[in-house]
Amino acid sequence: QGTMQVFMSDKEVAASEYTVTKGEVRFKAVPPAGSKLRFVFLYEAIEQNLRLEPIGMRGILTAANTKVYLNDIEARAEDVVYEKDLDGNSNVSLAPSIMAANDPYSIRKNQGLKVKVVTTF
C-alpha cells in the first residue's frame, strides 16, 4: 500500500482528475500537448522507499568531529554509526531508526532524504 502523486508541468494534479488501475494512470481529460508528467509513488512504510548504504569518507570520523544532517535536521547520535575501514578511512552508516513510523527526519514530506556530513578536522 502507498500513495501516489501526479504532477503535470510541475503542478500537482488533483486525485479526482485521474484514476489508477493495475499501474495504469488514466486522466479524465487529455493533458495539453507538451506537458511534462511526473509520477511519485511512496510506499506506506518508509523503509520500502529507501535503501541505506554506507557513505565512504577520507579520514577518521567520529561523533566528536562530525555532524550529520538528515533533511537539514541534525541526526541523533543513535541514528549514525561511524566505522573505520581497512585503509584507515571512515564509513558513515545510518541506522534503520531514521525510518521510524513517526518520520523524525521528514522523509515523507521531502519525498526523500538529503544527507549532509560536516567534519571539523
N, C-alpha and C. Protein backbone atom coordinates (compact mmCIF):
# COMPACT_ATOMS: atom_id res chain seq x y z
N GLN A 1 0.83 -1.19 0.00
CA GLN A 1 0.00 0.00 0.00
C GLN A 1 0.88 1.25 0.00
N GLY A 2 0.36 2.30 -0.57
CA GLY A 2 1.11 3.55 -0.62
C GLY A 2 0.25 4.67 -1.17
N THR A 3 0.93 5.77 -1.48
CA THR A 3 0.24 6.93 -2.04
C THR A 3 0.94 7.36 -3.32
N MET A 4 0.18 7.94 -4.22
CA MET A 4 0.76 8.41 -5.47
C MET A 4 0.35 9.86 -5.69
N GLN A 5 1.30 10.63 -6.21
CA GLN A 5 1.03 12.00 -6.62
C GLN A 5 1.37 12.11 -8.10
N VAL A 6 0.59 12.88 -8.82
CA VAL A 6 0.83 13.10 -10.24
C VAL A 6 1.05 14.60 -10.43
N PHE A 7 2.07 14.93 -11.19
CA PHE A 7 2.39 16.32 -11.49
C PHE A 7 2.37 16.52 -13.00
N MET A 8 1.76 17.61 -13.42
CA MET A 8 1.72 17.97 -14.83
C MET A 8 2.37 19.33 -14.96
N SER A 9 3.49 19.37 -15.68
CA SER A 9 4.26 20.62 -15.83
C SER A 9 4.51 21.26 -14.47
N ASP A 10 4.97 20.44 -13.52
CA ASP A 10 5.37 20.83 -12.16
C ASP A 10 4.22 21.28 -11.25
N LYS A 11 2.97 21.08 -11.66
CA LYS A 11 1.82 21.39 -10.80
C LYS A 11 1.12 20.09 -10.46
N GLU A 12 0.80 19.92 -9.16
CA GLU A 12 0.14 18.67 -8.75
C GLU A 12 -1.26 18.59 -9.34
N VAL A 13 -1.59 17.41 -9.85
CA VAL A 13 -2.91 17.15 -10.40
C VAL A 13 -3.79 16.58 -9.30
N ALA A 14 -4.99 17.09 -9.14
CA ALA A 14 -5.92 16.61 -8.12
C ALA A 14 -6.23 15.13 -8.37
N ALA A 15 -6.30 14.35 -7.29
CA ALA A 15 -6.57 12.92 -7.42
C ALA A 15 -7.89 12.65 -8.12
N SER A 16 -8.80 13.60 -8.07
CA SER A 16 -10.10 13.43 -8.73
C SER A 16 -10.00 13.54 -10.26
N GLU A 17 -8.84 13.98 -10.76
CA GLU A 17 -8.65 14.18 -12.20
C GLU A 17 -8.03 12.97 -12.91
N TYR A 18 -7.75 11.89 -12.15
CA TYR A 18 -7.19 10.69 -12.76
C TYR A 18 -7.55 9.46 -11.94
N THR A 19 -7.43 8.30 -12.56
CA THR A 19 -7.63 7.03 -11.85
C THR A 19 -6.42 6.15 -12.11
N VAL A 20 -6.19 5.22 -11.19
CA VAL A 20 -5.08 4.27 -11.34
C VAL A 20 -5.66 2.87 -11.21
N THR A 21 -5.41 2.04 -12.22
CA THR A 21 -5.86 0.66 -12.21
C THR A 21 -4.72 -0.23 -12.69
N LYS A 22 -4.28 -1.13 -11.82
CA LYS A 22 -3.20 -2.07 -12.16
C LYS A 22 -1.99 -1.35 -12.74
N GLY A 23 -1.61 -0.23 -12.13
CA GLY A 23 -0.43 0.50 -12.57
C GLY A 23 -0.64 1.43 -13.76
N GLU A 24 -1.85 1.47 -14.29
CA GLU A 24 -2.15 2.33 -15.43
C GLU A 24 -2.87 3.59 -14.94
N VAL A 25 -2.38 4.74 -15.35
CA VAL A 25 -2.99 6.03 -14.98
C VAL A 25 -3.82 6.52 -16.16
N ARG A 26 -5.08 6.85 -15.86
CA ARG A 26 -5.98 7.40 -16.89
C ARG A 26 -6.46 8.77 -16.42
N PHE A 27 -6.25 9.75 -17.27
CA PHE A 27 -6.69 11.11 -16.97
C PHE A 27 -8.11 11.32 -17.45
N LYS A 28 -8.88 12.15 -16.72
CA LYS A 28 -10.24 12.48 -17.16
C LYS A 28 -10.21 13.30 -18.45
N ALA A 29 -9.16 14.12 -18.59
CA ALA A 29 -9.01 14.93 -19.80
C ALA A 29 -7.59 14.72 -20.33
N VAL A 30 -7.43 14.79 -21.63
CA VAL A 30 -6.12 14.61 -22.25
C VAL A 30 -5.21 15.77 -21.82
N PRO A 31 -4.00 15.47 -21.33
CA PRO A 31 -3.07 16.55 -20.97
C PRO A 31 -2.73 17.40 -22.19
N PRO A 32 -2.52 18.69 -22.01
CA PRO A 32 -2.16 19.56 -23.14
C PRO A 32 -0.87 19.08 -23.80
N ALA A 33 -0.76 19.30 -25.08
CA ALA A 33 0.45 18.93 -25.82
C ALA A 33 1.67 19.57 -25.18
N GLY A 34 2.74 18.81 -25.06
CA GLY A 34 3.98 19.33 -24.49
C GLY A 34 4.04 19.29 -22.97
N SER A 35 3.00 18.79 -22.31
CA SER A 35 3.01 18.70 -20.85
C SER A 35 4.08 17.71 -20.39
N LYS A 36 4.73 18.05 -19.29
CA LYS A 36 5.68 17.13 -18.67
C LYS A 36 4.97 16.45 -17.51
N LEU A 37 4.92 15.12 -17.53
CA LEU A 37 4.25 14.37 -16.48
C LEU A 37 5.28 13.75 -15.55
N ARG A 38 4.99 13.79 -14.25
CA ARG A 38 5.86 13.16 -13.25
C ARG A 38 4.97 12.43 -12.26
N PHE A 39 5.35 11.20 -11.94
CA PHE A 39 4.58 10.37 -11.02
C PHE A 39 5.46 10.04 -9.82
N VAL A 40 4.91 10.26 -8.62
CA VAL A 40 5.64 9.96 -7.39
C VAL A 40 4.82 8.96 -6.60
N PHE A 41 5.40 7.79 -6.36
CA PHE A 41 4.74 6.77 -5.56
C PHE A 41 5.56 6.53 -4.32
N LEU A 42 4.93 6.61 -3.15
CA LEU A 42 5.60 6.33 -1.89
C LEU A 42 4.86 5.21 -1.18
N TYR A 43 5.63 4.18 -0.82
CA TYR A 43 5.05 3.10 -0.03
C TYR A 43 4.68 3.63 1.34
N GLU A 44 3.69 3.01 1.97
CA GLU A 44 3.26 3.42 3.29
C GLU A 44 4.41 3.31 4.30
N ALA A 45 5.17 2.22 4.25
CA ALA A 45 6.30 2.02 5.15
C ALA A 45 7.52 2.71 4.54
N ILE A 46 8.10 3.67 5.25
CA ILE A 46 9.22 4.45 4.74
C ILE A 46 10.37 3.56 4.27
N GLU A 47 10.66 2.50 5.01
CA GLU A 47 11.80 1.65 4.67
C GLU A 47 11.68 0.99 3.30
N GLN A 48 10.48 0.94 2.74
CA GLN A 48 10.31 0.39 1.40
C GLN A 48 10.66 1.42 0.32
N ASN A 49 10.83 2.67 0.71
CA ASN A 49 11.14 3.74 -0.24
C ASN A 49 12.63 4.04 -0.35
N LEU A 50 13.43 3.60 0.63
CA LEU A 50 14.84 3.94 0.66
C LEU A 50 15.72 2.71 0.80
N ARG A 51 16.94 2.82 0.32
CA ARG A 51 17.95 1.81 0.55
C ARG A 51 19.12 2.52 1.22
N LEU A 52 19.48 2.10 2.41
CA LEU A 52 20.57 2.75 3.14
C LEU A 52 21.89 2.09 2.79
N GLU A 53 22.86 2.89 2.39
CA GLU A 53 24.20 2.42 2.05
C GLU A 53 25.20 3.25 2.85
N PRO A 54 26.33 2.64 3.27
CA PRO A 54 27.36 3.42 3.98
C PRO A 54 27.94 4.50 3.07
N ILE A 55 28.36 5.60 3.68
CA ILE A 55 29.00 6.70 2.96
C ILE A 55 30.48 6.65 3.28
N GLY A 56 31.32 6.43 2.28
CA GLY A 56 32.76 6.38 2.49
C GLY A 56 33.35 7.78 2.54
N MET A 57 34.16 8.03 3.56
CA MET A 57 34.77 9.35 3.75
C MET A 57 36.26 9.18 4.04
N ARG A 58 37.08 10.12 3.57
CA ARG A 58 38.51 10.11 3.88
C ARG A 58 38.73 10.65 5.28
N GLY A 59 39.66 10.04 6.00
CA GLY A 59 39.96 10.48 7.36
C GLY A 59 39.16 9.67 8.38
N ILE A 60 39.43 9.97 9.62
CA ILE A 60 38.75 9.25 10.70
C ILE A 60 37.65 10.14 11.26
N LEU A 61 36.42 9.72 11.03
CA LEU A 61 35.26 10.47 11.50
C LEU A 61 34.73 9.84 12.77
N THR A 62 34.38 10.69 13.71
CA THR A 62 33.77 10.25 14.97
C THR A 62 32.64 11.21 15.30
N ALA A 63 31.87 10.86 16.32
CA ALA A 63 30.79 11.76 16.77
C ALA A 63 31.37 13.07 17.28
N ALA A 64 32.63 13.04 17.75
CA ALA A 64 33.25 14.25 18.29
C ALA A 64 33.65 15.25 17.20
N ASN A 65 33.99 14.76 15.99
CA ASN A 65 34.46 15.68 14.95
C ASN A 65 33.52 15.78 13.73
N THR A 66 32.34 15.21 13.87
CA THR A 66 31.43 15.16 12.72
C THR A 66 29.99 15.41 13.14
N LYS A 67 29.28 16.14 12.31
CA LYS A 67 27.83 16.29 12.48
C LYS A 67 27.18 15.81 11.19
N VAL A 68 26.08 15.08 11.34
CA VAL A 68 25.34 14.59 10.19
C VAL A 68 23.95 15.22 10.24
N TYR A 69 23.52 15.75 9.09
CA TYR A 69 22.20 16.36 8.98
C TYR A 69 21.38 15.54 7.99
N LEU A 70 20.16 15.24 8.36
CA LEU A 70 19.24 14.49 7.51
C LEU A 70 18.06 15.40 7.21
N ASN A 71 17.92 15.77 5.96
CA ASN A 71 16.91 16.77 5.57
C ASN A 71 17.01 18.02 6.44
N ASP A 72 18.25 18.47 6.64
CA ASP A 72 18.57 19.70 7.39
C ASP A 72 18.26 19.61 8.88
N ILE A 73 18.03 18.41 9.40
CA ILE A 73 17.81 18.20 10.83
C ILE A 73 19.02 17.44 11.36
N GLU A 74 19.64 17.95 12.44
CA GLU A 74 20.81 17.26 12.98
C GLU A 74 20.42 15.86 13.45
N ALA A 75 21.16 14.86 12.98
CA ALA A 75 20.86 13.47 13.32
C ALA A 75 21.17 13.20 14.79
N ARG A 76 20.33 12.39 15.40
CA ARG A 76 20.57 11.96 16.77
C ARG A 76 21.75 10.99 16.77
N ALA A 77 22.51 10.95 17.87
CA ALA A 77 23.69 10.09 17.97
C ALA A 77 23.35 8.64 17.66
N GLU A 78 22.22 8.17 18.11
CA GLU A 78 21.86 6.76 17.91
C GLU A 78 21.47 6.44 16.46
N ASP A 79 21.33 7.46 15.62
CA ASP A 79 20.95 7.24 14.22
C ASP A 79 22.15 7.20 13.27
N VAL A 80 23.36 7.41 13.80
CA VAL A 80 24.57 7.44 12.96
C VAL A 80 25.61 6.50 13.55
N VAL A 81 26.24 5.70 12.67
CA VAL A 81 27.29 4.77 13.08
C VAL A 81 28.55 5.11 12.30
N TYR A 82 29.67 5.28 13.03
CA TYR A 82 30.97 5.56 12.41
C TYR A 82 31.83 4.30 12.51
N GLU A 83 32.40 3.87 11.37
CA GLU A 83 33.26 2.70 11.37
C GLU A 83 34.52 3.01 10.58
N LYS A 84 35.65 2.50 11.05
CA LYS A 84 36.91 2.67 10.35
C LYS A 84 37.09 1.51 9.37
N ASP A 85 37.55 1.81 8.14
CA ASP A 85 37.78 0.73 7.18
C ASP A 85 39.24 0.29 7.22
N LEU A 86 39.61 -0.68 6.40
CA LEU A 86 40.96 -1.23 6.40
C LEU A 86 42.02 -0.24 5.94
N ASP A 87 41.64 0.79 5.21
CA ASP A 87 42.58 1.80 4.74
C ASP A 87 42.74 2.96 5.73
N GLY A 88 42.06 2.89 6.86
CA GLY A 88 42.15 3.95 7.86
C GLY A 88 41.20 5.10 7.61
N ASN A 89 40.29 4.92 6.68
CA ASN A 89 39.27 5.93 6.44
C ASN A 89 37.98 5.53 7.16
N SER A 90 36.92 6.25 6.93
CA SER A 90 35.68 6.00 7.68
C SER A 90 34.50 5.71 6.78
N ASN A 91 33.59 4.94 7.30
CA ASN A 91 32.28 4.75 6.71
C ASN A 91 31.25 5.30 7.68
N VAL A 92 30.35 6.10 7.17
CA VAL A 92 29.25 6.64 7.97
C VAL A 92 27.99 5.90 7.53
N SER A 93 27.35 5.23 8.47
CA SER A 93 26.12 4.50 8.18
C SER A 93 24.97 5.10 8.96
N LEU A 94 23.79 5.02 8.38
CA LEU A 94 22.58 5.49 9.05
C LEU A 94 21.82 4.29 9.57
N ALA A 95 21.35 4.39 10.80
CA ALA A 95 20.62 3.30 11.44
C ALA A 95 19.20 3.23 10.89
N PRO A 96 18.61 2.04 10.88
CA PRO A 96 17.22 1.90 10.42
C PRO A 96 16.23 2.78 11.20
N SER A 97 16.62 3.23 12.39
CA SER A 97 15.73 4.07 13.20
C SER A 97 15.40 5.40 12.53
N ILE A 98 16.17 5.81 11.52
CA ILE A 98 15.84 7.08 10.83
C ILE A 98 14.52 6.96 10.08
N MET A 99 14.08 5.71 9.85
CA MET A 99 12.85 5.48 9.10
C MET A 99 11.69 5.09 10.01
N ALA A 100 11.74 5.51 11.26
CA ALA A 100 10.69 5.18 12.22
C ALA A 100 9.33 5.68 11.73
N ALA A 101 8.30 5.08 12.23
CA ALA A 101 6.93 5.43 11.81
C ALA A 101 6.60 6.90 12.03
N ASN A 102 7.22 7.52 13.06
CA ASN A 102 6.94 8.95 13.32
C ASN A 102 7.73 9.88 12.39
N ASP A 103 8.53 9.30 11.47
CA ASP A 103 9.25 10.05 10.44
C ASP A 103 10.03 11.24 11.02
N PRO A 104 11.03 10.95 11.88
CA PRO A 104 11.73 12.03 12.59
C PRO A 104 12.50 12.99 11.68
N TYR A 105 12.79 12.58 10.46
CA TYR A 105 13.56 13.44 9.55
C TYR A 105 12.76 13.89 8.33
N SER A 106 11.45 13.83 8.44
CA SER A 106 10.54 14.33 7.40
C SER A 106 10.83 13.74 6.02
N ILE A 107 11.10 12.45 5.97
CA ILE A 107 11.39 11.79 4.70
C ILE A 107 10.16 11.83 3.79
N ARG A 108 8.98 11.57 4.36
CA ARG A 108 7.75 11.61 3.55
C ARG A 108 7.50 13.01 2.99
N LYS A 109 7.54 13.99 3.87
CA LYS A 109 7.26 15.37 3.46
C LYS A 109 8.22 15.82 2.36
N ASN A 110 9.49 15.43 2.46
CA ASN A 110 10.50 15.83 1.49
C ASN A 110 10.62 14.87 0.31
N GLN A 111 9.85 13.80 0.33
CA GLN A 111 9.87 12.78 -0.72
C GLN A 111 11.28 12.26 -0.97
N GLY A 112 12.03 12.12 0.11
CA GLY A 112 13.39 11.58 0.01
C GLY A 112 14.23 12.02 1.18
N LEU A 113 15.51 11.72 1.11
CA LEU A 113 16.42 12.01 2.21
C LEU A 113 17.68 12.66 1.67
N LYS A 114 17.94 13.87 2.13
CA LYS A 114 19.18 14.58 1.80
C LYS A 114 20.12 14.43 2.99
N VAL A 115 21.32 13.91 2.74
CA VAL A 115 22.29 13.66 3.80
C VAL A 115 23.44 14.65 3.64
N LYS A 116 23.78 15.34 4.74
CA LYS A 116 24.89 16.29 4.74
C LYS A 116 25.81 15.90 5.88
N VAL A 117 27.11 15.70 5.57
CA VAL A 117 28.11 15.33 6.58
C VAL A 117 29.08 16.50 6.72
N VAL A 118 29.22 17.04 7.94
CA VAL A 118 30.11 18.18 8.19
C VAL A 118 31.17 17.74 9.19
N THR A 119 32.44 17.87 8.79
CA THR A 119 33.54 17.49 9.68
C THR A 119 34.30 18.72 10.15
N THR A 120 35.01 18.57 11.26
CA THR A 120 35.77 19.71 11.82
C THR A 120 37.25 19.41 11.90
N PHE A 121 37.75 18.48 11.09
CA PHE A 121 39.19 18.21 11.14
C PHE A 121 39.90 18.77 9.92
